[in-house]
Amino acid sequence: MNTTSPLKIQRWGGAFQVEVISDPSVKQALFGWMSAQELGPQSAWRFAGPLDSKKMGVLKHARLLVAKRPGAARTGYLCFYPPLKVAIFVEDQERRPGNNQEAPRPPRCAILRMRHSPTVYNSGGAIFAATLCVSDSVLWIEDVLTWEGKNIWNTSPFSKRWSVLKSWFESDWSEDVILQRGLAIKPRNPEALETFKSDPGDVWEFIPEDAQRRRLFWKDRRLDKMELPQFPFKPKDRPKFLEIEEQKTKEIQERRRQNQEKRQKQNTIIQASNNPVEKVGVMDTYFPNLPQHNDGSLVAVAKKEPTGPDVYSLFSAENTPLGIAVIRKMMLSLAMRTHCSEKVNVKVEWNSSFDRWEIVDVNVARNPSPASAFKKMP
């Protein structure tokens, strides 16, 4: 029997954590689902092409928007995958072989936890274009490629796709710092071409309005102008390149300081979640407790709701409603799906961060607690 977990926790270099998919069969099924929409590592899809002299005429005759690239990270796929009902980030395939002409490295795939409406899975799923900027711990969402199981990049202009993305951010998604494990999620807003202004070293993407038109990326390869004084020079005539190097050193030190503060803040948030079993860097694990009749814990009845996965209503022994339950661990979620076809007795604790009762044990061999016991809490 294979006891290897299909997931493992990794830190990709930023202040956030991801659950990397390590099971080849799961990745193969995911890539096949993407390939059916002519996207993903098994397709010939390209997010963008270079803006060279042959394409300069596009800037004059096509309707375009412009957006600055967030660092050196490559655009990838953010998949809302119906079979697993989770959001999975898939790196773009590196298609250039190395010096030894070896096969390209297979793309990494990771589950990104976020709070969003489950309706996207019931309508066929979706695939967004997104850039995962590891150094800044930010996921920049840029475009909608498929929506409700259909490839809208082939049929809809960018303005309509951006309207779908904006509606998703406003209606179907909400910020949850703890659930996102230190990852910030933001839209990468495009700008009008008339506002375009570049500095040396910047990388930009020109986004066509028409459907089926890939972006064009361009790097400003100009160099900063410098004036070098004659040798020997006085301290007040220090070369400008020395000032630039010092400024770059200060910026690097400041980024390191900000990343350290971000990691410390994330650790503080996790410690405040009142869950002494959960540790940073360790995958969520669920161990059923032995039944104890006099341990003072509260037992409720959990009933499955049809509105989506991991949605359970809690009730007391007298069938008094206690609200929607909080489930934060993957293994608890799997245990609930195993034991709760309609209802099941669960052990609960009050979670002050969510102002709701949290399920901490499943299939408890005890009678439910009366409503008066819950009123004494918190």
Protein backbone atom coordinates (compact mmCIF):
# COMPACT_ATOMS: atom_id res chain seq x y z
CA MET A 1 0.00 0.00 0.00
CA ASN A 2 1.36 3.44 -0.91
CA THR A 3 1.48 5.59 2.23
CA THR A 4 3.22 8.57 0.60
CA SER A 5 1.25 11.81 0.93
CA PRO A 6 0.38 13.51 -2.38
CA LEU A 7 1.17 16.87 -0.73
CA LYS A 8 4.11 18.32 1.15
CA ILE A 9 4.70 21.75 2.68
CA GLN A 10 7.45 23.85 1.10
CA ARG A 11 8.73 27.40 1.37
CA TRP A 12 9.59 28.66 -2.13
CA GLY A 13 11.82 31.47 -0.88
CA GLY A 14 9.31 34.10 0.27
CA ALA A 15 7.54 34.59 3.59
CA PHE A 16 4.68 32.24 2.65
CA GLN A 17 4.17 28.48 2.49
CA VAL A 18 2.70 26.30 -0.24
CA GLU A 19 1.47 22.70 -0.40
CA VAL A 20 3.39 21.20 -3.32
CA ILE A 21 1.69 18.41 -5.29
CA SER A 22 4.17 15.54 -5.45
CA ASP A 23 1.92 12.76 -6.78
CA PRO A 24 2.68 12.33 -10.55
CA SER A 25 -0.79 10.92 -11.25
CA VAL A 26 -2.50 14.00 -9.76
CA LYS A 27 -0.27 16.33 -11.80
CA GLN A 28 -0.88 14.32 -14.99
CA ALA A 29 -4.66 14.53 -14.51
CA LEU A 30 -4.39 18.29 -13.88
CA PHE A 31 -2.25 18.85 -17.00
CA GLY A 32 -4.71 16.81 -19.06
CA TRP A 33 -7.61 18.97 -17.83
CA MET A 34 -5.67 22.11 -18.86
CA SER A 35 -4.68 20.60 -22.21
CA ALA A 36 -8.35 20.09 -23.09
CA GLN A 37 -8.56 23.92 -23.13
CA GLU A 38 -5.33 24.18 -25.19
CA LEU A 39 -3.45 25.48 -22.14
CA GLY A 40 -0.82 24.22 -19.72
CA PRO A 41 2.56 22.44 -19.86
CA GLN A 42 1.36 19.84 -22.39
CA SER A 43 0.23 22.49 -24.90
CA ALA A 44 2.02 24.93 -27.21
CA TRP A 45 0.52 27.91 -25.36
CA ARG A 46 2.59 31.08 -24.84
CA PHE A 47 1.54 33.96 -22.59
CA ALA A 48 3.56 36.60 -24.47
CA GLY A 49 6.09 37.22 -27.21
CA PRO A 50 8.90 39.79 -27.49
CA LEU A 51 8.19 43.21 -28.96
CA ASP A 52 10.79 43.50 -31.74
CA SER A 53 11.15 45.75 -34.76
CA LYS A 54 8.79 43.56 -36.81
CA LYS A 55 5.95 44.18 -34.37
CA MET A 56 6.44 47.90 -33.71
CA GLY A 57 3.57 48.72 -36.05
CA VAL A 58 1.19 47.08 -33.58
CA LEU A 59 1.72 49.98 -31.16
CA LYS A 60 0.31 52.41 -33.72
CA HIS A 61 -2.61 50.47 -35.15
CA ALA A 62 -3.94 48.15 -32.38
CA ARG A 63 -5.96 48.94 -29.26
CA LEU A 64 -3.57 48.28 -26.37
CA LEU A 65 -3.19 48.59 -22.63
CA VAL A 66 0.12 48.48 -20.80
CA ALA A 67 1.21 46.92 -17.48
CA LYS A 68 4.60 46.81 -15.76
CA ARG A 69 5.98 43.34 -15.00
CA PRO A 70 6.28 42.59 -11.23
CA GLY A 71 9.95 41.62 -11.13
CA ALA A 72 11.66 38.75 -12.93
CA ALA A 73 9.02 36.06 -12.20
CA ARG A 74 7.30 34.33 -15.15
CA THR A 75 3.55 34.30 -15.66
CA GLY A 76 1.90 31.00 -14.71
CA TYR A 77 -1.56 29.43 -14.39
CA LEU A 78 -3.91 29.77 -11.39
CA CYS A 79 -6.28 26.82 -11.84
CA PHE A 80 -9.56 26.40 -9.96
CA TYR A 81 -9.59 22.61 -10.39
CA PRO A 82 -13.06 20.97 -10.01
CA PRO A 83 -11.92 17.37 -9.16
CA LEU A 84 -10.06 18.58 -6.02
CA LYS A 85 -12.04 21.82 -5.47
CA VAL A 86 -8.87 23.78 -4.69
CA ALA A 87 -6.86 26.58 -6.33
CA ILE A 88 -3.59 25.28 -7.83
CA PHE A 89 -0.76 27.42 -9.18
CA VAL A 90 1.13 25.79 -12.09
CA GLU A 91 4.42 27.28 -13.20
CA ASP A 92 4.85 28.01 -16.90
CA GLN A 93 6.89 25.35 -18.68
CA GLU A 94 10.56 26.27 -19.13
CA ARG A 95 11.01 25.36 -22.79
CA ARG A 96 14.67 26.32 -23.31
CA PRO A 97 17.06 23.39 -22.73
CA GLY A 98 20.22 23.81 -20.68
CA ASN A 99 23.84 23.70 -21.78
CA ASN A 100 23.75 19.91 -21.92
CA GLN A 101 20.59 19.91 -24.06
CA GLU A 102 18.73 18.19 -21.24
CA ALA A 103 14.95 17.98 -21.08
CA PRO A 104 13.34 21.09 -19.52
CA ARG A 105 12.59 20.98 -15.81
CA PRO A 106 8.95 19.96 -15.15
CA PRO A 107 6.86 22.79 -13.73
CA ARG A 108 6.09 22.88 -10.03
CA CYS A 109 2.45 22.74 -8.89
CA ALA A 110 1.22 24.01 -5.53
CA ILE A 111 -2.12 24.44 -3.77
CA LEU A 112 -2.69 28.08 -2.78
CA ARG A 113 -5.17 28.44 0.07
CA MET A 114 -7.61 31.32 -0.30
CA ARG A 115 -11.17 32.13 0.74
CA HIS A 116 -13.45 32.24 -2.30
CA SER A 117 -16.87 31.09 -3.48
CA PRO A 118 -17.10 27.36 -4.35
CA THR A 119 -19.47 28.09 -7.26
CA VAL A 120 -16.48 28.32 -9.62
CA TYR A 121 -15.98 24.55 -9.24
CA ASN A 122 -19.64 23.71 -9.85
CA SER A 123 -19.63 25.47 -13.25
CA GLY A 124 -16.60 23.75 -14.80
CA GLY A 125 -13.71 25.52 -13.11
CA ALA A 126 -11.52 28.37 -14.34
CA ILE A 127 -7.92 29.18 -15.27
CA PHE A 128 -6.40 32.62 -14.56
CA ALA A 129 -3.09 34.04 -15.76
CA ALA A 130 -1.07 34.99 -12.67
CA THR A 131 2.50 35.81 -11.63
CA LEU A 132 3.80 34.42 -8.33
CA CYS A 133 6.43 36.92 -7.15
CA VAL A 134 8.22 34.83 -4.52
CA SER A 135 10.60 37.54 -3.29
CA ASP A 136 7.68 39.84 -2.38
CA SER A 137 5.26 37.04 -1.35
CA VAL A 138 2.61 38.38 -3.77
CA LEU A 139 0.39 36.60 -6.30
CA TRP A 140 -0.50 39.06 -9.08
CA ILE A 141 -3.63 37.93 -10.99
CA GLU A 142 -3.57 39.32 -14.54
CA ASP A 143 -6.17 37.78 -16.85
CA VAL A 144 -8.92 35.16 -17.18
CA LEU A 145 -8.15 32.46 -19.74
CA THR A 146 -11.07 30.06 -19.09
CA TRP A 147 -14.30 30.68 -17.19
CA GLU A 148 -17.11 28.21 -16.42
CA GLY A 149 -15.16 25.53 -18.28
CA LYS A 150 -14.88 27.57 -21.52
CA ASN A 151 -11.83 29.20 -23.11
CA ILE A 152 -12.85 32.88 -23.15
CA TRP A 153 -9.38 34.05 -24.21
CA ASN A 154 -10.27 32.79 -27.70
CA THR A 155 -13.68 34.49 -27.82
CA SER A 156 -13.74 37.56 -25.54
CA PRO A 157 -11.76 40.82 -25.69
CA PHE A 158 -9.47 41.73 -22.80
CA SER A 159 -11.88 44.37 -21.41
CA LYS A 160 -14.59 41.71 -20.97
CA ARG A 161 -12.14 39.23 -19.41
CA TRP A 162 -10.91 41.94 -17.03
CA SER A 163 -14.54 42.66 -16.06
CA VAL A 164 -14.96 38.97 -15.13
CA LEU A 165 -11.78 39.13 -13.03
CA LYS A 166 -12.86 42.35 -11.30
CA SER A 167 -16.26 40.85 -10.48
CA TRP A 168 -14.54 37.75 -9.01
CA PHE A 169 -12.39 39.90 -6.74
CA GLU A 170 -15.35 41.98 -5.56
CA SER A 171 -17.95 39.20 -5.13
CA ASP A 172 -16.32 35.76 -4.88
CA TRP A 173 -13.02 36.37 -3.06
CA SER A 174 -12.15 37.77 0.38
CA GLU A 175 -8.80 38.37 2.08
CA ASP A 176 -7.81 35.80 4.73
CA VAL A 177 -4.24 36.36 5.98
CA ILE A 178 -4.12 33.17 8.07
CA LEU A 179 -5.53 30.91 5.35
CA GLN A 180 -3.19 32.40 2.70
CA ARG A 181 -0.17 31.59 4.92
CA GLY A 182 1.63 34.87 4.32
CA LEU A 183 0.80 35.23 0.60
CA ALA A 184 -0.75 38.51 -0.59
CA ILE A 185 -3.18 38.25 -3.54
CA LYS A 186 -3.68 41.31 -5.78
CA PRO A 187 -4.90 42.18 -9.30
CA ARG A 188 -2.24 43.59 -11.66
CA ASN A 189 -4.14 46.60 -13.00
CA PRO A 190 -3.40 47.62 -16.61
CA GLU A 191 -3.05 51.26 -17.63
CA ALA A 192 -3.92 53.25 -20.73
CA LEU A 193 -1.20 53.33 -23.37
CA GLU A 194 -1.18 57.14 -23.21
CA THR A 195 0.16 57.02 -19.63
CA PHE A 196 3.13 54.81 -20.56
CA LYS A 197 6.41 56.12 -19.11
CA SER A 198 9.44 53.88 -18.65
CA ASP A 199 12.64 54.04 -16.65
CA PRO A 200 15.89 52.24 -17.60
CA GLY A 201 15.68 48.54 -16.70
CA ASP A 202 11.86 48.36 -16.54
CA VAL A 203 10.02 45.45 -18.18
CA TRP A 204 6.57 46.13 -19.67
CA GLU A 205 3.78 44.17 -21.32
CA PHE A 206 1.52 45.58 -24.03
CA ILE A 207 -1.90 43.91 -23.78
CA PRO A 208 -4.07 43.81 -26.94
CA GLU A 209 -7.79 44.43 -26.56
CA ASP A 210 -8.75 41.89 -29.25
CA ALA A 211 -9.37 38.23 -28.40
CA GLN A 212 -6.74 35.62 -29.29
CA ARG A 213 -3.95 38.22 -29.18
CA ARG A 214 -0.97 37.45 -26.94
CA ARG A 215 0.81 40.11 -24.92
CA LEU A 216 4.05 41.67 -26.14
CA PHE A 217 6.80 42.18 -23.57
CA TRP A 218 9.52 44.81 -23.83
CA LYS A 219 12.52 45.65 -21.66
CA ASP A 220 13.90 49.16 -21.41
CA ARG A 221 17.59 48.44 -22.04
CA ARG A 222 18.76 52.02 -21.68
CA LEU A 223 21.56 52.76 -19.21
CA ASP A 224 21.54 55.46 -16.56
CA LYS A 225 23.63 58.41 -17.62
CA MET A 226 26.65 59.04 -15.39
CA GLU A 227 29.18 61.84 -15.23
CA LEU A 228 32.66 60.78 -14.07
CA PRO A 229 34.87 63.57 -12.66
CA GLN A 230 38.48 63.87 -13.63
CA PHE A 231 41.07 62.03 -11.54
CA PRO A 232 41.97 62.85 -8.81
CA PHE A 233 38.63 63.94 -7.41
CA LYS A 234 37.57 65.49 -4.13
CA PRO A 235 34.99 63.86 -1.80
CA LYS A 236 32.32 66.29 -3.01
CA ASP A 237 32.98 65.14 -6.60
CA ARG A 238 32.38 61.45 -5.91
CA PRO A 239 31.48 59.52 -9.08
CA LYS A 240 27.79 58.97 -9.55
CA PHE A 241 28.24 55.24 -10.03
CA LEU A 242 29.42 55.01 -6.40
CA GLU A 243 26.28 56.76 -5.24
CA ILE A 244 24.17 54.38 -7.33
CA GLU A 245 25.92 51.34 -5.84
CA GLU A 246 25.39 52.66 -2.31
CA GLN A 247 21.73 53.33 -3.05
CA LYS A 248 21.29 49.79 -4.39
CA THR A 249 22.93 48.39 -1.24
CA LYS A 250 20.54 50.41 0.95
CA GLU A 251 17.54 49.17 -1.06
CA ILE A 252 18.64 45.54 -0.70
CA GLN A 253 19.08 45.96 3.06
CA GLU A 254 15.66 47.62 3.33
CA ARG A 255 13.97 44.75 1.40
CA ARG A 256 15.63 42.21 3.69
CA ARG A 257 14.41 44.13 6.74
CA GLN A 258 10.84 44.30 5.37
CA ASN A 259 10.82 40.56 4.54
CA GLN A 260 12.05 39.76 8.06
CA GLU A 261 9.29 41.90 9.59
CA LYS A 262 6.73 40.20 7.32
CA ARG A 263 7.88 36.75 8.47
CA GLN A 264 7.75 37.80 12.14
CA LYS A 265 4.25 39.22 11.66
CA GLN A 266 3.06 36.01 9.97
CA ASN A 267 4.48 33.88 12.79
CA THR A 268 2.66 36.09 15.31
CA ILE A 269 -0.64 35.65 13.44
CA ILE A 270 -0.25 31.88 13.33
CA GLN A 271 0.57 31.72 17.05
CA ALA A 272 -2.54 33.79 17.76
CA SER A 273 -4.77 31.24 16.04
CA ASN A 274 -5.05 29.34 19.38
CA ASN A 275 -3.98 26.05 17.82
CA PRO A 276 -0.94 24.66 19.70
CA VAL A 277 -0.78 21.58 17.43
CA GLU A 278 -0.23 23.63 14.25
CA LYS A 279 3.40 24.57 13.52
CA VAL A 280 4.88 26.62 10.70
CA GLY A 281 6.50 24.38 8.14
CA VAL A 282 4.59 21.24 9.18
CA MET A 283 1.66 19.94 7.17
CA ASP A 284 -1.73 20.05 8.92
CA THR A 285 -2.30 16.67 10.55
CA TYR A 286 -5.43 15.32 12.23
CA PHE A 287 -5.24 12.68 14.97
CA PRO A 288 -8.64 11.47 16.30
CA ASN A 289 -8.93 11.71 20.09
CA LEU A 290 -10.00 8.84 22.32
CA PRO A 291 -13.51 9.38 23.75
CA GLN A 292 -13.44 10.95 27.21
CA HIS A 293 -16.79 11.42 28.91
CA ASN A 294 -15.72 13.90 31.56
CA ASP A 295 -13.12 16.05 29.83
CA GLY A 296 -15.41 19.12 29.79
CA SER A 297 -15.36 19.48 26.00
CA LEU A 298 -18.44 20.38 23.94
CA VAL A 299 -20.01 18.02 21.40
CA ALA A 300 -22.29 19.27 18.63
CA VAL A 301 -24.15 17.69 15.71
CA ALA A 302 -22.68 18.64 12.32
CA LYS A 303 -25.02 18.49 9.31
CA LYS A 304 -23.84 18.73 5.69
CA GLU A 305 -25.01 21.80 3.76
CA PRO A 306 -25.61 21.56 -0.02
CA THR A 307 -24.07 24.99 -0.72
CA GLY A 308 -20.52 23.71 -1.20
CA PRO A 309 -17.65 21.54 0.10
CA ASP A 310 -16.63 21.84 3.77
CA VAL A 311 -19.84 23.70 4.68
CA TYR A 312 -21.45 22.19 7.81
CA SER A 313 -24.07 23.61 10.17
CA LEU A 314 -23.77 22.89 13.90
CA PHE A 315 -26.65 22.10 16.28
CA SER A 316 -27.01 21.37 20.01
CA ALA A 317 -28.72 18.34 21.54
CA GLU A 318 -32.08 20.18 21.31
CA ASN A 319 -31.40 20.97 17.61
CA THR A 320 -30.62 24.62 18.41
CA PRO A 321 -28.59 26.19 15.54
CA LEU A 322 -25.00 27.13 16.45
CA GLY A 323 -23.90 28.54 13.08
CA ILE A 324 -21.56 27.42 10.30
CA ALA A 325 -18.51 25.46 11.49
CA VAL A 326 -14.87 26.43 10.91
CA ILE A 327 -12.60 23.71 9.41
CA ARG A 328 -8.95 24.72 8.97
CA LYS A 329 -7.13 21.41 8.48
CA MET A 330 -7.12 19.34 5.31
CA MET A 331 -7.17 16.04 7.15
CA LEU A 332 -10.19 17.16 9.22
CA SER A 333 -11.90 18.08 5.96
CA LEU A 334 -11.23 14.59 4.58
CA ALA A 335 -12.46 13.01 7.83
CA MET A 336 -15.71 14.99 7.65
CA ARG A 337 -16.29 13.90 4.05
CA THR A 338 -15.76 10.28 5.16
CA HIS A 339 -18.04 10.27 8.22
CA CYS A 340 -20.66 12.93 7.46
CA SER A 341 -22.97 11.79 4.70
CA GLU A 342 -25.84 13.57 6.50
CA LYS A 343 -24.80 14.30 10.10
CA VAL A 344 -22.20 13.28 12.66
CA ASN A 345 -21.23 14.15 16.25
CA VAL A 346 -18.16 16.40 16.42
CA LYS A 347 -16.06 17.97 19.17
CA VAL A 348 -15.95 21.79 18.90
CA GLU A 349 -14.03 24.69 20.37
CA TRP A 350 -14.71 28.43 20.12
CA ASN A 351 -12.40 30.19 17.60
CA SER A 352 -12.17 33.87 18.50
CA SER A 353 -10.38 34.74 15.23
CA PHE A 354 -13.45 33.69 13.19
CA ASP A 355 -16.13 34.24 15.90
CA ARG A 356 -17.44 30.73 15.19
CA TRP A 357 -17.24 27.20 16.53
CA GLU A 358 -14.35 25.18 15.09
CA ILE A 359 -14.46 21.39 14.57
CA VAL A 360 -11.45 19.74 16.25
CA ASP A 361 -12.53 16.07 16.25
CA VAL A 362 -14.88 13.93 14.12
CA ASN A 363 -17.19 10.98 14.80
CA VAL A 364 -17.12 11.52 18.57
CA ALA A 365 -18.66 8.66 20.61
CA ARG A 366 -20.57 10.98 22.97
CA ASN A 367 -24.01 12.53 23.14
CA PRO A 368 -24.36 16.14 21.94
CA SER A 369 -24.14 18.92 24.57
CA PRO A 370 -27.25 20.93 25.51
CA ALA A 371 -27.73 24.46 24.21
CA SER A 372 -27.13 25.89 27.69
CA ALA A 373 -23.53 24.60 27.59
CA PHE A 374 -22.80 26.55 24.42
CA LYS A 375 -24.30 29.74 25.82
CA LYS A 376 -21.63 29.77 28.51
CA MET A 377 -19.01 30.09 25.78
CA PRO A 378 -16.95 31.97 24.89
